[in-house]
Amino acid sequence: MPKITPRYLSGKWRDGYALDLHTLSAVPIGHDEFGHMQFDTTRSEVGELLYRLKYKGDTSVVDVLVAVAVSFLKVWHPPVELIVPVPPTSARTFQPVMSLARGISAQLPLPLFECVTKSRDTQQLKNIFDLDERRRALQGVHMADPAVTKGRTILLFDDLFRSGATMDAITAALYEQGEAADVYALTITRTRSLQ
């Protein structure tokens, strides 16, 4: 099983962690033929697995990532009643977040509910570098269904934590619209700089 170094996640939730950093270092090595800077990147063990899953479509790593997440959750032991995955930003055939969340749900066992929806499409936040601009882009986007979340303690799950703006917006929706009793947050990795 990959070694992890859990990282505390600060946000609107009660408590939260990433299993590890995504990248440990990224050294510029020059521009490609399109003028884009290329990097020699070193990732954490789970960062490398998540990279393979998200960007290379390597589904063979799902079981390992699920096992690591479940093992950590059994040690951390947040008093959660259900898992709510962060809705994917874009539509694609295979959704890493959903695949991981389903695996974690099955292993614990803990029910999974896709009860957070989006009122409109948003551009990918990785292209917005200002945190305040990210927060503005997410205002009023997420809605939580109180029929599922009212009075319940929720594990909000995502694969990669950058700035926390999306998870903060969803946590606010879970508390305000969804009337959740409490929210805990878990991600597989987080970026070194929170932006």
N, C-alpha and C. Protein backbone atom coordinates (compact mmCIF):
# COMPACT_ATOMS: atom_id res chain seq x y z
N MET A 1 0.84 -1.18 0.00
CA MET A 1 0.00 0.00 0.00
C MET A 1 0.89 1.25 0.00
N PRO A 2 0.53 2.27 -0.78
CA PRO A 2 1.35 3.48 -0.84
C PRO A 2 1.43 4.18 0.52
N LYS A 3 2.59 4.75 0.79
CA LYS A 3 2.79 5.53 2.01
C LYS A 3 2.10 6.88 1.82
N ILE A 4 1.46 7.38 2.86
CA ILE A 4 0.81 8.69 2.78
C ILE A 4 1.30 9.58 3.92
N THR A 5 1.19 10.88 3.70
CA THR A 5 1.44 11.89 4.72
C THR A 5 0.22 12.80 4.72
N PRO A 6 -0.80 12.48 5.53
CA PRO A 6 -2.04 13.27 5.51
C PRO A 6 -1.78 14.75 5.78
N ARG A 7 -2.54 15.58 5.07
CA ARG A 7 -2.42 17.04 5.16
C ARG A 7 -3.76 17.61 5.58
N TYR A 8 -3.74 18.45 6.61
CA TYR A 8 -4.95 19.08 7.10
C TYR A 8 -5.51 20.02 6.04
N LEU A 9 -6.82 20.02 5.88
CA LEU A 9 -7.50 20.93 4.95
C LEU A 9 -8.35 21.91 5.74
N SER A 10 -8.08 23.17 5.56
CA SER A 10 -8.84 24.22 6.23
C SER A 10 -9.99 24.65 5.33
N GLY A 11 -11.18 24.79 5.91
CA GLY A 11 -12.33 25.22 5.13
C GLY A 11 -13.56 25.35 6.02
N LYS A 12 -14.72 25.44 5.42
CA LYS A 12 -15.97 25.62 6.16
C LYS A 12 -16.46 24.35 6.84
N TRP A 13 -15.84 23.23 6.55
CA TRP A 13 -16.22 21.96 7.15
C TRP A 13 -15.67 21.85 8.57
N ARG A 14 -16.17 20.85 9.32
CA ARG A 14 -15.73 20.63 10.71
C ARG A 14 -14.25 20.23 10.76
N ASP A 15 -13.85 19.30 9.90
CA ASP A 15 -12.49 18.78 9.89
C ASP A 15 -12.25 18.19 8.50
N GLY A 16 -11.01 18.22 8.03
CA GLY A 16 -10.76 17.66 6.71
C GLY A 16 -9.30 17.37 6.46
N TYR A 17 -9.08 16.40 5.56
CA TYR A 17 -7.72 15.98 5.22
C TYR A 17 -7.60 15.61 3.75
N ALA A 18 -6.39 15.81 3.23
CA ALA A 18 -5.95 15.20 1.98
C ALA A 18 -5.00 14.08 2.39
N LEU A 19 -5.01 12.99 1.67
CA LEU A 19 -4.13 11.88 2.02
C LEU A 19 -2.66 12.25 1.88
N ASP A 20 -2.37 13.17 0.94
CA ASP A 20 -0.98 13.60 0.74
C ASP A 20 -0.97 14.77 -0.24
N LEU A 21 0.22 15.32 -0.45
CA LEU A 21 0.41 16.32 -1.50
C LEU A 21 0.30 15.63 -2.85
N HIS A 22 -0.08 16.39 -3.87
CA HIS A 22 -0.14 15.82 -5.21
C HIS A 22 1.27 15.76 -5.79
N THR A 23 1.95 16.91 -5.86
CA THR A 23 3.32 16.95 -6.37
C THR A 23 4.27 17.33 -5.24
N LEU A 24 5.47 16.77 -5.29
CA LEU A 24 6.50 17.09 -4.32
C LEU A 24 7.45 18.15 -4.88
N SER A 25 7.67 18.11 -6.20
CA SER A 25 8.49 19.12 -6.86
C SER A 25 8.14 19.17 -8.34
N ALA A 26 8.40 20.33 -8.94
CA ALA A 26 8.20 20.51 -10.37
C ALA A 26 9.27 21.47 -10.88
N VAL A 27 10.24 20.91 -11.61
CA VAL A 27 11.37 21.69 -12.10
C VAL A 27 11.16 21.98 -13.59
N PRO A 28 11.17 23.28 -13.97
CA PRO A 28 11.01 23.62 -15.39
C PRO A 28 12.15 23.04 -16.23
N ILE A 29 11.78 22.47 -17.38
CA ILE A 29 12.80 21.87 -18.26
C ILE A 29 12.78 22.45 -19.66
N GLY A 30 11.94 23.45 -19.89
CA GLY A 30 11.90 24.09 -21.20
C GLY A 30 10.52 24.05 -21.81
N HIS A 31 10.39 24.76 -22.93
CA HIS A 31 9.11 24.87 -23.62
C HIS A 31 8.95 23.79 -24.68
N ASP A 32 7.70 23.36 -24.88
CA ASP A 32 7.43 22.41 -25.96
C ASP A 32 7.23 23.17 -27.26
N GLU A 33 6.89 22.45 -28.32
CA GLU A 33 6.74 23.07 -29.64
C GLU A 33 5.59 24.08 -29.71
N PHE A 34 4.71 24.07 -28.71
CA PHE A 34 3.58 25.00 -28.67
C PHE A 34 3.84 26.19 -27.74
N GLY A 35 5.04 26.24 -27.17
CA GLY A 35 5.40 27.33 -26.29
C GLY A 35 4.99 27.13 -24.84
N HIS A 36 4.51 25.92 -24.49
CA HIS A 36 4.10 25.63 -23.12
C HIS A 36 5.29 25.11 -22.31
N MET A 37 5.47 25.68 -21.12
CA MET A 37 6.55 25.24 -20.25
C MET A 37 6.30 23.79 -19.82
N GLN A 38 7.34 22.99 -19.89
CA GLN A 38 7.28 21.59 -19.46
C GLN A 38 8.05 21.45 -18.14
N PHE A 39 7.64 20.48 -17.34
CA PHE A 39 8.24 20.30 -16.02
C PHE A 39 8.66 18.86 -15.80
N ASP A 40 9.73 18.68 -15.05
CA ASP A 40 10.11 17.37 -14.52
C ASP A 40 9.45 17.30 -13.15
N THR A 41 8.37 16.54 -13.06
CA THR A 41 7.52 16.54 -11.87
C THR A 41 7.73 15.27 -11.06
N THR A 42 7.89 15.47 -9.76
CA THR A 42 7.94 14.36 -8.81
C THR A 42 6.67 14.42 -7.98
N ARG A 43 5.93 13.33 -7.97
CA ARG A 43 4.66 13.27 -7.24
C ARG A 43 4.80 12.36 -6.03
N SER A 44 3.91 12.57 -5.05
CA SER A 44 3.82 11.61 -3.94
C SER A 44 3.32 10.29 -4.52
N GLU A 45 3.38 9.22 -3.73
CA GLU A 45 2.92 7.93 -4.24
C GLU A 45 1.45 7.97 -4.65
N VAL A 46 0.59 8.54 -3.79
CA VAL A 46 -0.83 8.61 -4.17
C VAL A 46 -1.04 9.68 -5.23
N GLY A 47 -0.19 10.71 -5.25
CA GLY A 47 -0.26 11.72 -6.30
C GLY A 47 -0.01 11.12 -7.67
N GLU A 48 0.97 10.23 -7.74
CA GLU A 48 1.28 9.56 -9.01
C GLU A 48 0.11 8.67 -9.44
N LEU A 49 -0.47 7.95 -8.49
CA LEU A 49 -1.62 7.09 -8.81
C LEU A 49 -2.80 7.92 -9.28
N LEU A 50 -3.07 9.02 -8.59
CA LEU A 50 -4.19 9.88 -8.99
C LEU A 50 -3.92 10.51 -10.36
N TYR A 51 -2.70 10.92 -10.61
CA TYR A 51 -2.33 11.46 -11.92
C TYR A 51 -2.61 10.43 -13.01
N ARG A 52 -2.21 9.20 -12.77
CA ARG A 52 -2.45 8.14 -13.76
C ARG A 52 -3.95 7.95 -14.00
N LEU A 53 -4.74 8.02 -12.94
CA LEU A 53 -6.18 7.85 -13.07
C LEU A 53 -6.83 9.02 -13.80
N LYS A 54 -6.55 10.24 -13.34
CA LYS A 54 -7.22 11.43 -13.88
C LYS A 54 -6.77 11.81 -15.29
N TYR A 55 -5.46 11.69 -15.53
CA TYR A 55 -4.92 12.25 -16.78
C TYR A 55 -4.46 11.21 -17.79
N LYS A 56 -4.35 9.96 -17.36
CA LYS A 56 -3.93 8.90 -18.27
C LYS A 56 -5.01 7.83 -18.44
N GLY A 57 -6.11 7.95 -17.68
CA GLY A 57 -7.21 6.98 -17.80
C GLY A 57 -6.88 5.59 -17.30
N ASP A 58 -5.90 5.51 -16.39
CA ASP A 58 -5.47 4.21 -15.87
C ASP A 58 -6.38 3.78 -14.72
N THR A 59 -7.43 3.06 -15.03
CA THR A 59 -8.39 2.63 -14.01
C THR A 59 -7.87 1.51 -13.13
N SER A 60 -6.72 0.95 -13.47
CA SER A 60 -6.16 -0.13 -12.65
C SER A 60 -5.75 0.37 -11.26
N VAL A 61 -5.62 1.68 -11.08
CA VAL A 61 -5.18 2.23 -9.79
C VAL A 61 -6.34 2.52 -8.84
N VAL A 62 -7.58 2.39 -9.30
CA VAL A 62 -8.73 2.73 -8.47
C VAL A 62 -8.75 1.94 -7.17
N ASP A 63 -8.57 0.63 -7.25
CA ASP A 63 -8.65 -0.21 -6.05
C ASP A 63 -7.59 0.17 -5.01
N VAL A 64 -6.40 0.52 -5.47
CA VAL A 64 -5.33 0.91 -4.54
C VAL A 64 -5.68 2.23 -3.86
N LEU A 65 -6.14 3.22 -4.63
CA LEU A 65 -6.52 4.51 -4.05
C LEU A 65 -7.68 4.36 -3.07
N VAL A 66 -8.65 3.52 -3.42
CA VAL A 66 -9.78 3.27 -2.53
C VAL A 66 -9.29 2.64 -1.23
N ALA A 67 -8.41 1.66 -1.34
CA ALA A 67 -7.89 0.97 -0.15
C ALA A 67 -7.15 1.94 0.77
N VAL A 68 -6.36 2.85 0.20
CA VAL A 68 -5.63 3.83 1.00
C VAL A 68 -6.61 4.77 1.69
N ALA A 69 -7.61 5.25 0.96
CA ALA A 69 -8.60 6.16 1.54
C ALA A 69 -9.39 5.49 2.67
N VAL A 70 -9.81 4.25 2.44
CA VAL A 70 -10.58 3.52 3.45
C VAL A 70 -9.72 3.28 4.70
N SER A 71 -8.47 2.91 4.49
CA SER A 71 -7.57 2.69 5.62
C SER A 71 -7.41 3.96 6.45
N PHE A 72 -7.25 5.11 5.78
CA PHE A 72 -7.13 6.38 6.49
C PHE A 72 -8.42 6.72 7.23
N LEU A 73 -9.56 6.53 6.57
CA LEU A 73 -10.84 6.84 7.21
C LEU A 73 -11.07 5.99 8.46
N LYS A 74 -10.61 4.76 8.45
CA LYS A 74 -10.77 3.89 9.62
C LYS A 74 -9.93 4.38 10.80
N VAL A 75 -8.80 5.02 10.51
CA VAL A 75 -7.96 5.58 11.58
C VAL A 75 -8.51 6.94 12.03
N TRP A 76 -8.84 7.81 11.07
CA TRP A 76 -9.37 9.14 11.38
C TRP A 76 -10.73 9.00 12.05
N HIS A 77 -11.56 8.20 11.50
CA HIS A 77 -12.89 7.86 12.01
C HIS A 77 -13.82 9.06 12.24
N PRO A 78 -14.05 9.86 11.20
CA PRO A 78 -15.03 10.94 11.37
C PRO A 78 -16.43 10.34 11.52
N PRO A 79 -17.30 10.93 12.33
CA PRO A 79 -18.61 10.34 12.61
C PRO A 79 -19.62 10.60 11.48
N VAL A 80 -19.29 10.16 10.26
CA VAL A 80 -20.12 10.47 9.10
C VAL A 80 -21.15 9.37 8.83
N GLU A 81 -22.26 9.78 8.20
CA GLU A 81 -23.35 8.87 7.90
C GLU A 81 -23.47 8.56 6.41
N LEU A 82 -22.89 9.41 5.58
CA LEU A 82 -22.97 9.22 4.14
C LEU A 82 -21.86 9.97 3.44
N ILE A 83 -21.59 9.57 2.21
CA ILE A 83 -20.58 10.23 1.37
C ILE A 83 -21.31 11.03 0.29
N VAL A 84 -20.85 12.28 0.13
CA VAL A 84 -21.35 13.13 -0.95
C VAL A 84 -20.15 13.52 -1.80
N PRO A 85 -20.08 13.04 -3.04
CA PRO A 85 -18.97 13.42 -3.92
C PRO A 85 -19.17 14.81 -4.51
N VAL A 86 -18.07 15.50 -4.72
CA VAL A 86 -18.12 16.78 -5.43
C VAL A 86 -18.53 16.50 -6.86
N PRO A 87 -19.55 17.20 -7.38
CA PRO A 87 -19.96 16.95 -8.76
C PRO A 87 -18.83 17.28 -9.74
N PRO A 88 -18.64 16.45 -10.76
CA PRO A 88 -17.59 16.71 -11.75
C PRO A 88 -17.81 18.05 -12.47
N THR A 89 -16.70 18.70 -12.81
CA THR A 89 -16.76 19.98 -13.52
C THR A 89 -17.23 19.81 -14.95
N SER A 90 -16.71 18.77 -15.60
CA SER A 90 -17.05 18.58 -17.01
C SER A 90 -17.57 17.16 -17.23
N ALA A 91 -18.36 17.02 -18.27
CA ALA A 91 -18.91 15.70 -18.60
C ALA A 91 -17.86 14.91 -19.38
N ARG A 92 -17.60 13.71 -18.90
CA ARG A 92 -16.74 12.80 -19.63
C ARG A 92 -17.18 11.38 -19.28
N THR A 93 -16.79 10.45 -20.10
CA THR A 93 -17.24 9.07 -19.94
C THR A 93 -16.89 8.50 -18.58
N PHE A 94 -15.64 8.67 -18.17
CA PHE A 94 -15.18 8.14 -16.89
C PHE A 94 -14.92 9.28 -15.93
N GLN A 95 -15.56 9.26 -14.78
CA GLN A 95 -15.39 10.30 -13.76
C GLN A 95 -14.58 9.74 -12.59
N PRO A 96 -13.31 10.15 -12.44
CA PRO A 96 -12.48 9.63 -11.36
C PRO A 96 -13.09 9.82 -9.97
N VAL A 97 -13.65 11.00 -9.70
CA VAL A 97 -14.23 11.26 -8.38
C VAL A 97 -15.32 10.25 -8.07
N MET A 98 -16.20 10.00 -9.02
CA MET A 98 -17.31 9.09 -8.79
C MET A 98 -16.82 7.65 -8.61
N SER A 99 -15.84 7.25 -9.40
CA SER A 99 -15.31 5.91 -9.29
C SER A 99 -14.70 5.68 -7.91
N LEU A 100 -13.92 6.64 -7.43
CA LEU A 100 -13.30 6.53 -6.12
C LEU A 100 -14.35 6.57 -5.01
N ALA A 101 -15.31 7.48 -5.12
CA ALA A 101 -16.35 7.60 -4.09
C ALA A 101 -17.18 6.32 -4.00
N ARG A 102 -17.51 5.73 -5.14
CA ARG A 102 -18.26 4.47 -5.13
C ARG A 102 -17.47 3.35 -4.46
N GLY A 103 -16.17 3.31 -4.74
CA GLY A 103 -15.32 2.30 -4.13
C GLY A 103 -15.23 2.46 -2.62
N ILE A 104 -15.06 3.70 -2.16
CA ILE A 104 -14.99 3.97 -0.73
C ILE A 104 -16.32 3.61 -0.07
N SER A 105 -17.40 4.00 -0.70
CA SER A 105 -18.75 3.70 -0.19
C SER A 105 -18.94 2.20 -0.01
N ALA A 106 -18.53 1.42 -0.99
CA ALA A 106 -18.72 -0.03 -0.96
C ALA A 106 -17.84 -0.68 0.11
N GLN A 107 -16.62 -0.16 0.29
CA GLN A 107 -15.68 -0.77 1.23
C GLN A 107 -16.03 -0.50 2.69
N LEU A 108 -16.65 0.64 3.01
CA LEU A 108 -16.81 0.99 4.42
C LEU A 108 -17.86 0.17 5.17
N PRO A 109 -18.99 -0.19 4.77
CA PRO A 109 -19.88 0.41 3.78
C PRO A 109 -20.55 1.67 4.35
N LEU A 110 -20.70 2.64 3.48
CA LEU A 110 -21.29 3.93 3.82
C LEU A 110 -22.07 4.39 2.59
N PRO A 111 -23.34 4.75 2.74
CA PRO A 111 -24.12 5.12 1.56
C PRO A 111 -23.56 6.35 0.85
N LEU A 112 -23.66 6.34 -0.46
CA LEU A 112 -23.21 7.45 -1.29
C LEU A 112 -24.44 8.10 -1.93
N PHE A 113 -24.50 9.42 -1.85
CA PHE A 113 -25.60 10.16 -2.47
C PHE A 113 -25.05 11.27 -3.34
N GLU A 114 -25.48 11.30 -4.59
CA GLU A 114 -25.13 12.41 -5.48
C GLU A 114 -26.23 13.46 -5.32
N CYS A 115 -26.23 14.13 -4.17
CA CYS A 115 -27.33 15.03 -3.82
C CYS A 115 -26.96 16.50 -3.95
N VAL A 116 -25.77 16.78 -4.46
CA VAL A 116 -25.38 18.15 -4.75
C VAL A 116 -25.41 18.31 -6.26
N THR A 117 -26.17 19.29 -6.71
CA THR A 117 -26.28 19.54 -8.15
C THR A 117 -25.80 20.96 -8.45
N LYS A 118 -25.60 21.22 -9.73
CA LYS A 118 -25.16 22.53 -10.17
C LYS A 118 -26.29 23.22 -10.90
N SER A 119 -26.49 24.50 -10.59
CA SER A 119 -27.55 25.27 -11.24
C SER A 119 -27.13 25.73 -12.63
N ARG A 120 -25.84 25.75 -12.89
CA ARG A 120 -25.32 26.15 -14.20
C ARG A 120 -23.91 25.61 -14.35
N ASP A 121 -23.46 25.52 -15.60
CA ASP A 121 -22.10 25.09 -15.86
C ASP A 121 -21.14 26.22 -15.49
N THR A 122 -19.97 25.85 -15.07
CA THR A 122 -18.92 26.82 -14.75
C THR A 122 -17.67 26.44 -15.53
N GLN A 123 -16.81 27.43 -15.75
CA GLN A 123 -15.54 27.11 -16.40
C GLN A 123 -14.67 26.37 -15.39
N GLN A 124 -13.67 25.66 -15.87
CA GLN A 124 -12.79 24.92 -14.98
C GLN A 124 -12.01 25.91 -14.12
N LEU A 125 -12.04 25.69 -12.82
CA LEU A 125 -11.40 26.61 -11.89
C LEU A 125 -9.88 26.59 -11.99
N LYS A 126 -9.32 25.52 -12.55
CA LYS A 126 -7.86 25.48 -12.67
C LYS A 126 -7.35 26.59 -13.58
N ASN A 127 -8.26 27.19 -14.37
CA ASN A 127 -7.88 28.30 -15.24
C ASN A 127 -8.11 29.66 -14.59
N ILE A 128 -8.63 29.68 -13.36
CA ILE A 128 -8.84 30.92 -12.61
C ILE A 128 -7.87 30.89 -11.43
N PHE A 129 -6.95 31.85 -11.39
CA PHE A 129 -5.88 31.80 -10.39
C PHE A 129 -6.15 32.66 -9.16
N ASP A 130 -7.06 33.63 -9.24
CA ASP A 130 -7.38 34.48 -8.12
C ASP A 130 -8.48 33.82 -7.27
N LEU A 131 -8.22 33.63 -5.97
CA LEU A 131 -9.16 32.94 -5.09
C LEU A 131 -10.50 33.65 -5.01
N ASP A 132 -10.49 34.98 -4.91
CA ASP A 132 -11.75 35.72 -4.84
C ASP A 132 -12.55 35.55 -6.13
N GLU A 133 -11.85 35.53 -7.26
CA GLU A 133 -12.53 35.32 -8.55
C GLU A 133 -13.13 33.91 -8.62
N ARG A 134 -12.43 32.93 -8.07
CA ARG A 134 -12.96 31.56 -8.00
C ARG A 134 -14.25 31.54 -7.18
N ARG A 135 -14.20 32.19 -6.03
CA ARG A 135 -15.39 32.21 -5.16
C ARG A 135 -16.57 32.89 -5.86
N ARG A 136 -16.30 33.99 -6.56
CA ARG A 136 -17.39 34.67 -7.30
C ARG A 136 -17.96 33.76 -8.38
N ALA A 137 -17.09 33.02 -9.06
CA ALA A 137 -17.55 32.13 -10.13
C ALA A 137 -18.45 31.02 -9.59
N LEU A 138 -18.30 30.69 -8.30
CA LEU A 138 -19.06 29.59 -7.70
C LEU A 138 -20.31 30.05 -6.93
N GLN A 139 -20.51 31.35 -6.80
CA GLN A 139 -21.66 31.84 -6.04
C GLN A 139 -22.97 31.33 -6.64
N GLY A 140 -23.76 30.69 -5.80
CA GLY A 140 -25.07 30.21 -6.20
C GLY A 140 -25.08 29.05 -7.16
N VAL A 141 -23.94 28.42 -7.40
CA VAL A 141 -23.85 27.33 -8.38
C VAL A 141 -24.36 26.01 -7.81
N HIS A 142 -24.01 25.71 -6.56
CA HIS A 142 -24.32 24.40 -5.98
C HIS A 142 -25.59 24.41 -5.14
N MET A 143 -26.36 23.35 -5.29
CA MET A 143 -27.59 23.18 -4.52
C MET A 143 -27.55 21.81 -3.85
N ALA A 144 -28.01 21.77 -2.59
CA ALA A 144 -28.02 20.51 -1.84
C ALA A 144 -29.46 20.13 -1.53
N ASP A 145 -29.75 18.84 -1.62
CA ASP A 145 -31.09 18.32 -1.41
C ASP A 145 -31.30 17.96 0.06
N PRO A 146 -32.10 18.75 0.81
CA PRO A 146 -32.30 18.46 2.22
C PRO A 146 -33.02 17.14 2.48
N ALA A 147 -33.70 16.60 1.48
CA ALA A 147 -34.36 15.30 1.67
C ALA A 147 -33.33 14.22 1.99
N VAL A 148 -32.10 14.43 1.54
CA VAL A 148 -31.02 13.47 1.78
C VAL A 148 -30.13 13.91 2.95
N THR A 149 -29.88 15.21 3.07
CA THR A 149 -28.83 15.69 3.97
C THR A 149 -29.31 16.29 5.29
N LYS A 150 -30.57 16.60 5.43
CA LYS A 150 -31.06 17.29 6.63
C LYS A 150 -30.75 16.49 7.90
N GLY A 151 -30.03 17.15 8.83
CA GLY A 151 -29.72 16.55 10.11
C GLY A 151 -28.66 15.46 10.08
N ARG A 152 -28.00 15.28 8.93
CA ARG A 152 -27.03 14.19 8.80
C ARG A 152 -25.60 14.72 8.77
N THR A 153 -24.66 13.87 9.13
CA THR A 153 -23.25 14.21 9.11
C THR A 153 -22.63 13.61 7.86
N ILE A 154 -21.98 14.46 7.07
CA ILE A 154 -21.60 14.12 5.70
C ILE A 154 -20.09 14.11 5.51
N LEU A 155 -19.60 13.15 4.73
CA LEU A 155 -18.23 13.16 4.25
C LEU A 155 -18.27 13.70 2.82
N LEU A 156 -17.76 14.91 2.64
CA LEU A 156 -17.66 15.51 1.31
C LEU A 156 -16.34 15.04 0.71
N PHE A 157 -16.42 14.43 -0.47
CA PHE A 157 -15.24 13.79 -1.07
C PHE A 157 -14.91 14.38 -2.43
N ASP A 158 -13.62 14.64 -2.64
CA ASP A 158 -13.12 15.05 -3.96
C ASP A 158 -11.77 14.37 -4.17
N ASP A 159 -11.31 14.35 -5.41
CA ASP A 159 -10.03 13.71 -5.67
C ASP A 159 -8.85 14.64 -5.43
N LEU A 160 -8.92 15.89 -5.93
CA LEU A 160 -7.79 16.82 -5.85
C LEU A 160 -8.25 18.16 -5.28
N PHE A 161 -7.56 18.62 -4.26
CA PHE A 161 -7.85 19.89 -3.59
C PHE A 161 -6.86 20.93 -4.05
N ARG A 162 -7.36 22.01 -4.67
CA ARG A 162 -6.47 23.10 -5.10
C ARG A 162 -6.57 24.27 -4.13
N SER A 163 -7.63 25.04 -4.22
CA SER A 163 -7.82 26.21 -3.35
C SER A 163 -8.85 25.96 -2.26
N GLY A 164 -9.70 24.99 -2.49
CA GLY A 164 -10.79 24.73 -1.55
C GLY A 164 -12.05 25.50 -1.86
N ALA A 165 -12.03 26.34 -2.90
CA ALA A 165 -13.19 27.18 -3.22
C ALA A 165 -14.43 26.35 -3.54
N THR A 166 -14.27 25.29 -4.32
CA THR A 166 -15.42 24.45 -4.68
C THR A 166 -15.96 23.72 -3.45
N MET A 167 -15.08 23.13 -2.67
CA MET A 167 -15.52 22.39 -1.48
C MET A 167 -16.14 23.34 -0.45
N ASP A 168 -15.61 24.56 -0.34
CA ASP A 168 -16.22 25.54 0.56
C ASP A 168 -17.64 25.90 0.10
N ALA A 169 -17.80 26.12 -1.21
CA ALA A 169 -19.12 26.47 -1.74
C ALA A 169 -20.11 25.33 -1.53
N ILE A 170 -19.66 24.10 -1.72
CA ILE A 170 -20.55 22.95 -1.53
C ILE A 170 -20.87 22.77 -0.05
N THR A 171 -19.88 22.95 0.81
CA THR A 171 -20.12 22.84 2.25
C THR A 171 -21.15 23.87 2.70
N ALA A 172 -21.04 25.09 2.19
CA ALA A 172 -22.03 26.12 2.53
C ALA A 172 -23.42 25.69 2.08
N ALA A 173 -23.52 25.13 0.88
CA ALA A 173 -24.82 24.65 0.38
C ALA A 173 -25.35 23.51 1.24
N LEU A 174 -24.46 22.61 1.67
CA LEU A 174 -24.89 21.49 2.51
C LEU A 174 -25.41 21.98 3.86
N TYR A 175 -24.77 22.98 4.45
CA TYR A 175 -25.23 23.52 5.72
C TYR A 175 -26.50 24.36 5.55
N GLU A 176 -26.50 25.25 4.55
CA GLU A 176 -27.59 26.23 4.41
C GLU A 176 -28.83 25.63 3.75
N GLN A 177 -28.70 25.11 2.56
CA GLN A 177 -29.85 24.53 1.85
C GLN A 177 -30.14 23.11 2.31
N GLY A 178 -29.05 22.33 2.48
CA GLY A 178 -29.21 20.93 2.80
C GLY A 178 -29.47 20.67 4.27
N GLU A 179 -29.28 21.70 5.10
CA GLU A 179 -29.53 21.60 6.55
C GLU A 179 -28.77 20.42 7.18
N ALA A 180 -27.54 20.20 6.71
CA ALA A 180 -26.71 19.12 7.24
C ALA A 180 -26.33 19.43 8.68
N ALA A 181 -26.20 18.38 9.49
CA ALA A 181 -25.76 18.56 10.88
C ALA A 181 -24.28 18.93 10.91
N ASP A 182 -23.49 18.28 10.07
CA ASP A 182 -22.06 18.56 10.02
C ASP A 182 -21.46 18.03 8.72
N VAL A 183 -20.30 18.59 8.36
CA VAL A 183 -19.61 18.19 7.13
C VAL A 183 -18.13 17.98 7.45
N TYR A 184 -17.59 16.86 6.98
CA TYR A 184 -16.17 16.56 7.04
C TYR A 184 -15.69 16.45 5.60
N ALA A 185 -14.41 16.73 5.35
CA ALA A 185 -13.89 16.75 3.98
C ALA A 185 -12.72 15.79 3.83
N LEU A 186 -12.69 15.09 2.70
CA LEU A 186 -11.58 14.20 2.37
C LEU A 186 -11.27 14.33 0.89
N THR A 187 -9.98 14.46 0.59
CA THR A 187 -9.51 14.39 -0.80
C THR A 187 -8.34 13.42 -0.86
N ILE A 188 -8.07 12.93 -2.05
CA ILE A 188 -6.91 12.05 -2.22
C ILE A 188 -5.62 12.86 -2.09
N THR A 189 -5.52 13.97 -2.82
CA THR A 189 -4.33 14.81 -2.74
C THR A 189 -4.72 16.28 -2.69
N ARG A 190 -3.73 17.10 -2.37
CA ARG A 190 -3.88 18.55 -2.47
C ARG A 190 -2.62 19.13 -3.09
N THR A 191 -2.77 20.26 -3.73
CA THR A 191 -1.62 20.91 -4.34
C THR A 191 -0.70 21.47 -3.26
N ARG A 192 0.56 21.68 -3.61
CA ARG A 192 1.52 22.24 -2.65
C ARG A 192 1.15 23.65 -2.28
N SER A 193 0.86 24.48 -3.28
CA SER A 193 0.39 25.84 -3.00
C SER A 193 -1.11 25.82 -3.21
N LEU A 194 -1.82 26.34 -2.23
CA LEU A 194 -3.30 26.29 -2.29
C LEU A 194 -3.79 27.48 -3.11
N GLN A 195 -3.95 27.23 -4.41
CA GLN A 195 -4.44 28.29 -5.30
C GLN A 195 -5.36 27.73 -6.34
